[in-house]
């Protein structure tokens, strides 16, 4: 369903691992 994607130069302000950890906890997905 993604029609187009453009990579931006801007980095996101949070670390990927922190987002992944937050998502796993919210979804109940064990590491």
ModelCIF file with pLDDT and N, C-alpha, C, O atoms, coordinates in Angstrom:
data_MODEL
#
_entry.id   MODEL 
#
_entity.id                         1 
_entity.type                       polymer 
_entity.pdbx_number_of_molecules   1 
#
_entity_poly.entity_id                      1 
_entity_poly.type                           'polypeptide(L)' 
_entity_poly.nstd_linkage                   no 
_entity_poly.nstd_monomer                   no 
_entity_poly.pdbx_seq_one_letter_code       
;(UNK)(UNK)(UNK)(UNK)(UNK)(UNK)(UNK)(UNK)(UNK)(UNK)(UNK)(UNK)(UNK)(UNK)(UNK)(UNK)
(UNK)(UNK)(UNK)(UNK)(UNK)(UNK)(UNK)(UNK)(UNK)(UNK)(UNK)(UNK)(UNK)(UNK)(UNK)
;
_entity_poly.pdbx_seq_one_letter_code_can   XXXXXXXXXXXXXXXXXXXXXXXXXXXXXXX 
_entity_poly.pdbx_strand_id                 A 
#
loop_
_entity_poly_seq.entity_id 
_entity_poly_seq.num 
_entity_poly_seq.mon_id 
_entity_poly_seq.hetero 
1 1  UNK n 
1 2  UNK n 
1 3  UNK n 
1 4  UNK n 
1 5  UNK n 
1 6  UNK n 
1 7  UNK n 
1 8  UNK n 
1 9  UNK n 
1 10 UNK n 
1 11 UNK n 
1 12 UNK n 
1 13 UNK n 
1 14 UNK n 
1 15 UNK n 
1 16 UNK n 
1 17 UNK n 
1 18 UNK n 
1 19 UNK n 
1 20 UNK n 
1 21 UNK n 
1 22 UNK n 
1 23 UNK n 
1 24 UNK n 
1 25 UNK n 
1 26 UNK n 
1 27 UNK n 
1 28 UNK n 
1 29 UNK n 
1 30 UNK n 
1 31 UNK n 
#
_struct_asym.id          A 
_struct_asym.entity_id   1 
#
loop_
_ma_qa_metric.id 
_ma_qa_metric.mode 
_ma_qa_metric.name 
_ma_qa_metric.software_group_id 
_ma_qa_metric.type 
1 global pLDDT . pLDDT 
2 local  pLDDT . pLDDT 
#
_ma_qa_metric_global.metric_id      1 
_ma_qa_metric_global.metric_value   95.52 
_ma_qa_metric_global.model_id       1 
_ma_qa_metric_global.ordinal_id     1 
#
loop_
_ma_qa_metric_local.label_asym_id 
_ma_qa_metric_local.label_comp_id 
_ma_qa_metric_local.label_seq_id 
_ma_qa_metric_local.metric_id 
_ma_qa_metric_local.metric_value 
_ma_qa_metric_local.model_id 
_ma_qa_metric_local.ordinal_id 
A UNK 1  2 96.00 1 1  
A UNK 2  2 97.00 1 2  
A UNK 3  2 96.00 1 3  
A UNK 4  2 97.00 1 4  
A UNK 5  2 97.00 1 5  
A UNK 6  2 97.00 1 6  
A UNK 7  2 97.00 1 7  
A UNK 8  2 98.00 1 8  
A UNK 9  2 97.00 1 9  
A UNK 10 2 98.00 1 10 
A UNK 11 2 98.00 1 11 
A UNK 12 2 97.00 1 12 
A UNK 13 2 96.00 1 13 
A UNK 14 2 95.00 1 14 
A UNK 15 2 97.00 1 15 
A UNK 16 2 97.00 1 16 
A UNK 17 2 96.00 1 17 
A UNK 18 2 96.00 1 18 
A UNK 19 2 97.00 1 19 
A UNK 20 2 96.00 1 20 
A UNK 21 2 96.00 1 21 
A UNK 22 2 96.00 1 22 
A UNK 23 2 97.00 1 23 
A UNK 24 2 96.00 1 24 
A UNK 25 2 95.00 1 25 
A UNK 26 2 94.00 1 26 
A UNK 27 2 94.00 1 27 
A UNK 28 2 94.00 1 28 
A UNK 29 2 92.00 1 29 
A UNK 30 2 89.00 1 30 
A UNK 31 2 83.00 1 31 
#
loop_
_atom_site.group_PDB 
_atom_site.id 
_atom_site.type_symbol 
_atom_site.label_atom_id 
_atom_site.label_alt_id 
_atom_site.label_comp_id 
_atom_site.label_asym_id 
_atom_site.label_entity_id 
_atom_site.label_seq_id 
_atom_site.pdbx_PDB_ins_code 
_atom_site.Cartn_x 
_atom_site.Cartn_y 
_atom_site.Cartn_z 
_atom_site.occupancy 
_atom_site.B_iso_or_equiv 
_atom_site.pdbx_formal_charge 
_atom_site.auth_seq_id 
_atom_site.auth_comp_id 
_atom_site.auth_asym_id 
_atom_site.auth_atom_id 
_atom_site.pdbx_PDB_model_num 
ATOM 1   N N  . UNK A 1 1  ? 0.813  -1.220  0.000  1.00 96.00 ? 1  UNK A N  1 
ATOM 2   C CA . UNK A 1 1  ? 0.000  0.000   0.000  1.00 96.00 ? 1  UNK A CA 1 
ATOM 3   C C  . UNK A 1 1  ? 0.849  1.275   0.000  1.00 96.00 ? 1  UNK A C  1 
ATOM 4   O O  . UNK A 1 1  ? 0.316  2.383   -0.051 1.00 96.00 ? 1  UNK A O  1 
ATOM 5   N N  . UNK A 1 2  ? 2.169  1.109   0.058  1.00 97.00 ? 2  UNK A N  1 
ATOM 6   C CA . UNK A 1 2  ? 3.045  2.272   -0.045 1.00 97.00 ? 2  UNK A CA 1 
ATOM 7   C C  . UNK A 1 2  ? 3.180  2.585   -1.529 1.00 97.00 ? 2  UNK A C  1 
ATOM 8   O O  . UNK A 1 2  ? 3.699  1.778   -2.301 1.00 97.00 ? 2  UNK A O  1 
ATOM 9   N N  . UNK A 1 3  ? 2.712  3.751   -1.913 1.00 96.00 ? 3  UNK A N  1 
ATOM 10  C CA . UNK A 1 3  ? 2.690  4.157   -3.318 1.00 96.00 ? 3  UNK A CA 1 
ATOM 11  C C  . UNK A 1 3  ? 4.052  4.673   -3.763 1.00 96.00 ? 3  UNK A C  1 
ATOM 12  O O  . UNK A 1 3  ? 4.507  4.372   -4.866 1.00 96.00 ? 3  UNK A O  1 
ATOM 13  N N  . UNK A 1 4  ? 4.698  5.449   -2.905 1.00 97.00 ? 4  UNK A N  1 
ATOM 14  C CA . UNK A 1 4  ? 6.033  5.966   -3.214 1.00 97.00 ? 4  UNK A CA 1 
ATOM 15  C C  . UNK A 1 4  ? 6.783  6.178   -1.904 1.00 97.00 ? 4  UNK A C  1 
ATOM 16  O O  . UNK A 1 4  ? 6.190  6.346   -0.838 1.00 97.00 ? 4  UNK A O  1 
ATOM 17  N N  . UNK A 1 5  ? 8.096  6.165   -2.023 1.00 97.00 ? 5  UNK A N  1 
ATOM 18  C CA . UNK A 1 5  ? 8.951  6.382   -0.855 1.00 97.00 ? 5  UNK A CA 1 
ATOM 19  C C  . UNK A 1 5  ? 10.132 7.237   -1.287 1.00 97.00 ? 5  UNK A C  1 
ATOM 20  O O  . UNK A 1 5  ? 10.736 7.018   -2.337 1.00 97.00 ? 5  UNK A O  1 
ATOM 21  N N  . UNK A 1 6  ? 10.444 8.222   -0.443 1.00 97.00 ? 6  UNK A N  1 
ATOM 22  C CA . UNK A 1 6  ? 11.592 9.083   -0.686 1.00 97.00 ? 6  UNK A CA 1 
ATOM 23  C C  . UNK A 1 6  ? 12.433 9.089   0.581  1.00 97.00 ? 6  UNK A C  1 
ATOM 24  O O  . UNK A 1 6  ? 11.948 9.412   1.666  1.00 97.00 ? 6  UNK A O  1 
ATOM 25  N N  . UNK A 1 7  ? 13.700 8.728   0.424  1.00 97.00 ? 7  UNK A N  1 
ATOM 26  C CA . UNK A 1 7  ? 14.616 8.771   1.561  1.00 97.00 ? 7  UNK A CA 1 
ATOM 27  C C  . UNK A 1 7  ? 14.980 10.218  1.845  1.00 97.00 ? 7  UNK A C  1 
ATOM 28  O O  . UNK A 1 7  ? 15.322 10.971  0.933  1.00 97.00 ? 7  UNK A O  1 
ATOM 29  N N  . UNK A 1 8  ? 14.904 10.604  3.110  1.00 98.00 ? 8  UNK A N  1 
ATOM 30  C CA . UNK A 1 8  ? 15.239 11.960  3.527  1.00 98.00 ? 8  UNK A CA 1 
ATOM 31  C C  . UNK A 1 8  ? 16.618 11.972  4.175  1.00 98.00 ? 8  UNK A C  1 
ATOM 32  O O  . UNK A 1 8  ? 17.076 10.954  4.693  1.00 98.00 ? 8  UNK A O  1 
ATOM 33  N N  . UNK A 1 9  ? 17.264 13.107  4.143  1.00 97.00 ? 9  UNK A N  1 
ATOM 34  C CA . UNK A 1 9  ? 18.592 13.234  4.777  1.00 97.00 ? 9  UNK A CA 1 
ATOM 35  C C  . UNK A 1 9  ? 18.475 13.262  6.301  1.00 97.00 ? 9  UNK A C  1 
ATOM 36  O O  . UNK A 1 9  ? 19.407 12.876  7.007  1.00 97.00 ? 9  UNK A O  1 
ATOM 37  N N  . UNK A 1 10 ? 17.344 13.713  6.796  1.00 98.00 ? 10 UNK A N  1 
ATOM 38  C CA . UNK A 1 10 ? 17.169 13.886  8.241  1.00 98.00 ? 10 UNK A CA 1 
ATOM 39  C C  . UNK A 1 10 ? 17.172 12.546  8.961  1.00 98.00 ? 10 UNK A C  1 
ATOM 40  O O  . UNK A 1 10 ? 16.496 11.598  8.563  1.00 98.00 ? 10 UNK A O  1 
ATOM 41  N N  . UNK A 1 11 ? 17.943 12.499  10.017 1.00 98.00 ? 11 UNK A N  1 
ATOM 42  C CA . UNK A 1 11 ? 17.927 11.321  10.892 1.00 98.00 ? 11 UNK A CA 1 
ATOM 43  C C  . UNK A 1 11 ? 16.771 11.482  11.864 1.00 98.00 ? 11 UNK A C  1 
ATOM 44  O O  . UNK A 1 11 ? 16.388 12.599  12.211 1.00 98.00 ? 11 UNK A O  1 
ATOM 45  N N  . UNK A 1 12 ? 16.222 10.364  12.298 1.00 97.00 ? 12 UNK A N  1 
ATOM 46  C CA . UNK A 1 12 ? 15.180 10.523  13.299 1.00 97.00 ? 12 UNK A CA 1 
ATOM 47  C C  . UNK A 1 12 ? 15.799 10.667  14.683 1.00 97.00 ? 12 UNK A C  1 
ATOM 48  O O  . UNK A 1 12 ? 16.897 10.168  14.931 1.00 97.00 ? 12 UNK A O  1 
ATOM 49  N N  . UNK A 1 13 ? 15.091 11.355  15.592 1.00 96.00 ? 13 UNK A N  1 
ATOM 50  C CA . UNK A 1 13 ? 15.699 11.764  16.851 1.00 96.00 ? 13 UNK A CA 1 
ATOM 51  C C  . UNK A 1 13 ? 15.854 10.671  17.904 1.00 96.00 ? 13 UNK A C  1 
ATOM 52  O O  . UNK A 1 13 ? 16.514 10.887  18.920 1.00 96.00 ? 13 UNK A O  1 
ATOM 53  N N  . UNK A 1 14 ? 15.266 9.525   17.683 1.00 95.00 ? 14 UNK A N  1 
ATOM 54  C CA . UNK A 1 14 ? 15.392 8.430   18.655 1.00 95.00 ? 14 UNK A CA 1 
ATOM 55  C C  . UNK A 1 14 ? 16.164 7.292   18.021 1.00 95.00 ? 14 UNK A C  1 
ATOM 56  O O  . UNK A 1 14 ? 16.181 7.164   16.796 1.00 95.00 ? 14 UNK A O  1 
ATOM 57  N N  . UNK A 1 15 ? 16.793 6.474   18.822 1.00 97.00 ? 15 UNK A N  1 
ATOM 58  C CA . UNK A 1 15 ? 17.558 5.333   18.311 1.00 97.00 ? 15 UNK A CA 1 
ATOM 59  C C  . UNK A 1 15 ? 16.607 4.230   17.860 1.00 97.00 ? 15 UNK A C  1 
ATOM 60  O O  . UNK A 1 15 ? 15.561 3.995   18.465 1.00 97.00 ? 15 UNK A O  1 
ATOM 61  N N  . UNK A 1 16 ? 17.000 3.567   16.783 1.00 97.00 ? 16 UNK A N  1 
ATOM 62  C CA . UNK A 1 16 ? 16.197 2.473   16.232 1.00 97.00 ? 16 UNK A CA 1 
ATOM 63  C C  . UNK A 1 16 ? 15.947 1.396   17.283 1.00 97.00 ? 16 UNK A C  1 
ATOM 64  O O  . UNK A 1 16 ? 14.828 0.896   17.402 1.00 97.00 ? 16 UNK A O  1 
ATOM 65  N N  . UNK A 1 17 ? 16.968 1.038   18.037 1.00 96.00 ? 17 UNK A N  1 
ATOM 66  C CA . UNK A 1 17 ? 16.822 -0.024  19.041 1.00 96.00 ? 17 UNK A CA 1 
ATOM 67  C C  . UNK A 1 17 ? 15.811 0.360   20.123 1.00 96.00 ? 17 UNK A C  1 
ATOM 68  O O  . UNK A 1 17 ? 15.075 -0.496  20.611 1.00 96.00 ? 17 UNK A O  1 
ATOM 69  N N  . UNK A 1 18 ? 15.770 1.630   20.498 1.00 96.00 ? 18 UNK A N  1 
ATOM 70  C CA . UNK A 1 18 ? 14.797 2.083   21.499 1.00 96.00 ? 18 UNK A CA 1 
ATOM 71  C C  . UNK A 1 18 ? 13.377 1.969   20.948 1.00 96.00 ? 18 UNK A C  1 
ATOM 72  O O  . UNK A 1 18 ? 12.466 1.544   21.659 1.00 96.00 ? 18 UNK A O  1 
ATOM 73  N N  . UNK A 1 19 ? 13.186 2.345   19.686 1.00 97.00 ? 19 UNK A N  1 
ATOM 74  C CA . UNK A 1 19 ? 11.868 2.216   19.063 1.00 97.00 ? 19 UNK A CA 1 
ATOM 75  C C  . UNK A 1 19 ? 11.454 0.754   18.958 1.00 97.00 ? 19 UNK A C  1 
ATOM 76  O O  . UNK A 1 19 ? 10.306 0.404   19.228 1.00 97.00 ? 19 UNK A O  1 
ATOM 77  N N  . UNK A 1 20 ? 12.388 -0.085  18.568 1.00 96.00 ? 20 UNK A N  1 
ATOM 78  C CA . UNK A 1 20 ? 12.112 -1.515  18.452 1.00 96.00 ? 20 UNK A CA 1 
ATOM 79  C C  . UNK A 1 20 ? 11.734 -2.117  19.808 1.00 96.00 ? 20 UNK A C  1 
ATOM 80  O O  . UNK A 1 20 ? 10.800 -2.913  19.907 1.00 96.00 ? 20 UNK A O  1 
ATOM 81  N N  . UNK A 1 21 ? 12.458 -1.732  20.828 1.00 96.00 ? 21 UNK A N  1 
ATOM 82  C CA . UNK A 1 21 ? 12.165 -2.233  22.176 1.00 96.00 ? 21 UNK A CA 1 
ATOM 83  C C  . UNK A 1 21 ? 10.770 -1.782  22.631 1.00 96.00 ? 21 UNK A C  1 
ATOM 84  O O  . UNK A 1 21 ? 10.000 -2.578  23.168 1.00 96.00 ? 21 UNK A O  1 
ATOM 85  N N  . UNK A 1 22 ? 10.458 -0.524  22.417 1.00 96.00 ? 22 UNK A N  1 
ATOM 86  C CA . UNK A 1 22 ? 9.142  0.023   22.792 1.00 96.00 ? 22 UNK A CA 1 
ATOM 87  C C  . UNK A 1 22 ? 8.025  -0.726  22.054 1.00 96.00 ? 22 UNK A C  1 
ATOM 88  O O  . UNK A 1 22 ? 7.008  -1.083  22.648 1.00 96.00 ? 22 UNK A O  1 
ATOM 89  N N  . UNK A 1 23 ? 8.229  -0.956  20.759 1.00 97.00 ? 23 UNK A N  1 
ATOM 90  C CA . UNK A 1 23 ? 7.228  -1.663  19.949 1.00 97.00 ? 23 UNK A CA 1 
ATOM 91  C C  . UNK A 1 23 ? 7.053  -3.102  20.426 1.00 97.00 ? 23 UNK A C  1 
ATOM 92  O O  . UNK A 1 23 ? 5.927  -3.581  20.559 1.00 97.00 ? 23 UNK A O  1 
ATOM 93  N N  . UNK A 1 24 ? 8.159  -3.789  20.681 1.00 96.00 ? 24 UNK A N  1 
ATOM 94  C CA . UNK A 1 24 ? 8.069  -5.180  21.158 1.00 96.00 ? 24 UNK A CA 1 
ATOM 95  C C  . UNK A 1 24 ? 7.303  -5.262  22.473 1.00 96.00 ? 24 UNK A C  1 
ATOM 96  O O  . UNK A 1 24 ? 6.461  -6.141  22.657 1.00 96.00 ? 24 UNK A O  1 
ATOM 97  N N  . UNK A 1 25 ? 7.597  -4.349  23.373 1.00 95.00 ? 25 UNK A N  1 
ATOM 98  C CA . UNK A 1 25 ? 6.890  -4.336  24.657 1.00 95.00 ? 25 UNK A CA 1 
ATOM 99  C C  . UNK A 1 25 ? 5.399  -4.082  24.468 1.00 95.00 ? 25 UNK A C  1 
ATOM 100 O O  . UNK A 1 25 ? 4.569  -4.749  25.084 1.00 95.00 ? 25 UNK A O  1 
ATOM 101 N N  . UNK A 1 26 ? 5.063  -3.123  23.622 1.00 94.00 ? 26 UNK A N  1 
ATOM 102 C CA . UNK A 1 26 ? 3.658  -2.785  23.394 1.00 94.00 ? 26 UNK A CA 1 
ATOM 103 C C  . UNK A 1 26 ? 2.910  -3.932  22.723 1.00 94.00 ? 26 UNK A C  1 
ATOM 104 O O  . UNK A 1 26 ? 1.730  -4.148  22.997 1.00 94.00 ? 26 UNK A O  1 
ATOM 105 N N  . UNK A 1 27 ? 3.591  -4.668  21.847 1.00 94.00 ? 27 UNK A N  1 
ATOM 106 C CA . UNK A 1 27 ? 2.964  -5.771  21.112 1.00 94.00 ? 27 UNK A CA 1 
ATOM 107 C C  . UNK A 1 27 ? 3.096  -7.115  21.826 1.00 94.00 ? 27 UNK A C  1 
ATOM 108 O O  . UNK A 1 27 ? 2.511  -8.107  21.391 1.00 94.00 ? 27 UNK A O  1 
ATOM 109 N N  . UNK A 1 28 ? 3.868  -7.155  22.932 1.00 94.00 ? 28 UNK A N  1 
ATOM 110 C CA . UNK A 1 28 ? 4.064  -8.414  23.652 1.00 94.00 ? 28 UNK A CA 1 
ATOM 111 C C  . UNK A 1 28 ? 4.935  -9.400  22.879 1.00 94.00 ? 28 UNK A C  1 
ATOM 112 O O  . UNK A 1 28 ? 4.726  -10.611 22.952 1.00 94.00 ? 28 UNK A O  1 
ATOM 113 N N  . UNK A 1 29 ? 5.908  -8.879  22.142 1.00 92.00 ? 29 UNK A N  1 
ATOM 114 C CA . UNK A 1 29 ? 6.789  -9.721  21.339 1.00 92.00 ? 29 UNK A CA 1 
ATOM 115 C C  . UNK A 1 29 ? 8.098  -9.915  22.102 1.00 92.00 ? 29 UNK A C  1 
ATOM 116 O O  . UNK A 1 29 ? 8.815  -8.948  22.359 1.00 92.00 ? 29 UNK A O  1 
ATOM 117 N N  . UNK A 1 30 ? 8.411  -11.157 22.465 1.00 89.00 ? 30 UNK A N  1 
ATOM 118 C CA . UNK A 1 30 ? 9.649  -11.394 23.207 1.00 89.00 ? 30 UNK A CA 1 
ATOM 119 C C  . UNK A 1 30 ? 10.891 -11.245 22.312 1.00 89.00 ? 30 UNK A C  1 
ATOM 120 O O  . UNK A 1 30 ? 10.830 -11.460 21.102 1.00 89.00 ? 30 UNK A O  1 
ATOM 121 N N  . UNK A 1 31 ? 11.997 -10.880 22.927 1.00 83.00 ? 31 UNK A N  1 
ATOM 122 C CA . UNK A 1 31 ? 13.282 -10.811 22.224 1.00 83.00 ? 31 UNK A CA 1 
ATOM 123 C C  . UNK A 1 31 ? 13.840 -12.229 22.185 1.00 83.00 ? 31 UNK A C  1 
ATOM 124 O O  . UNK A 1 31 ? 14.923 -12.452 21.644 1.00 83.00 ? 31 UNK A O  1 
#
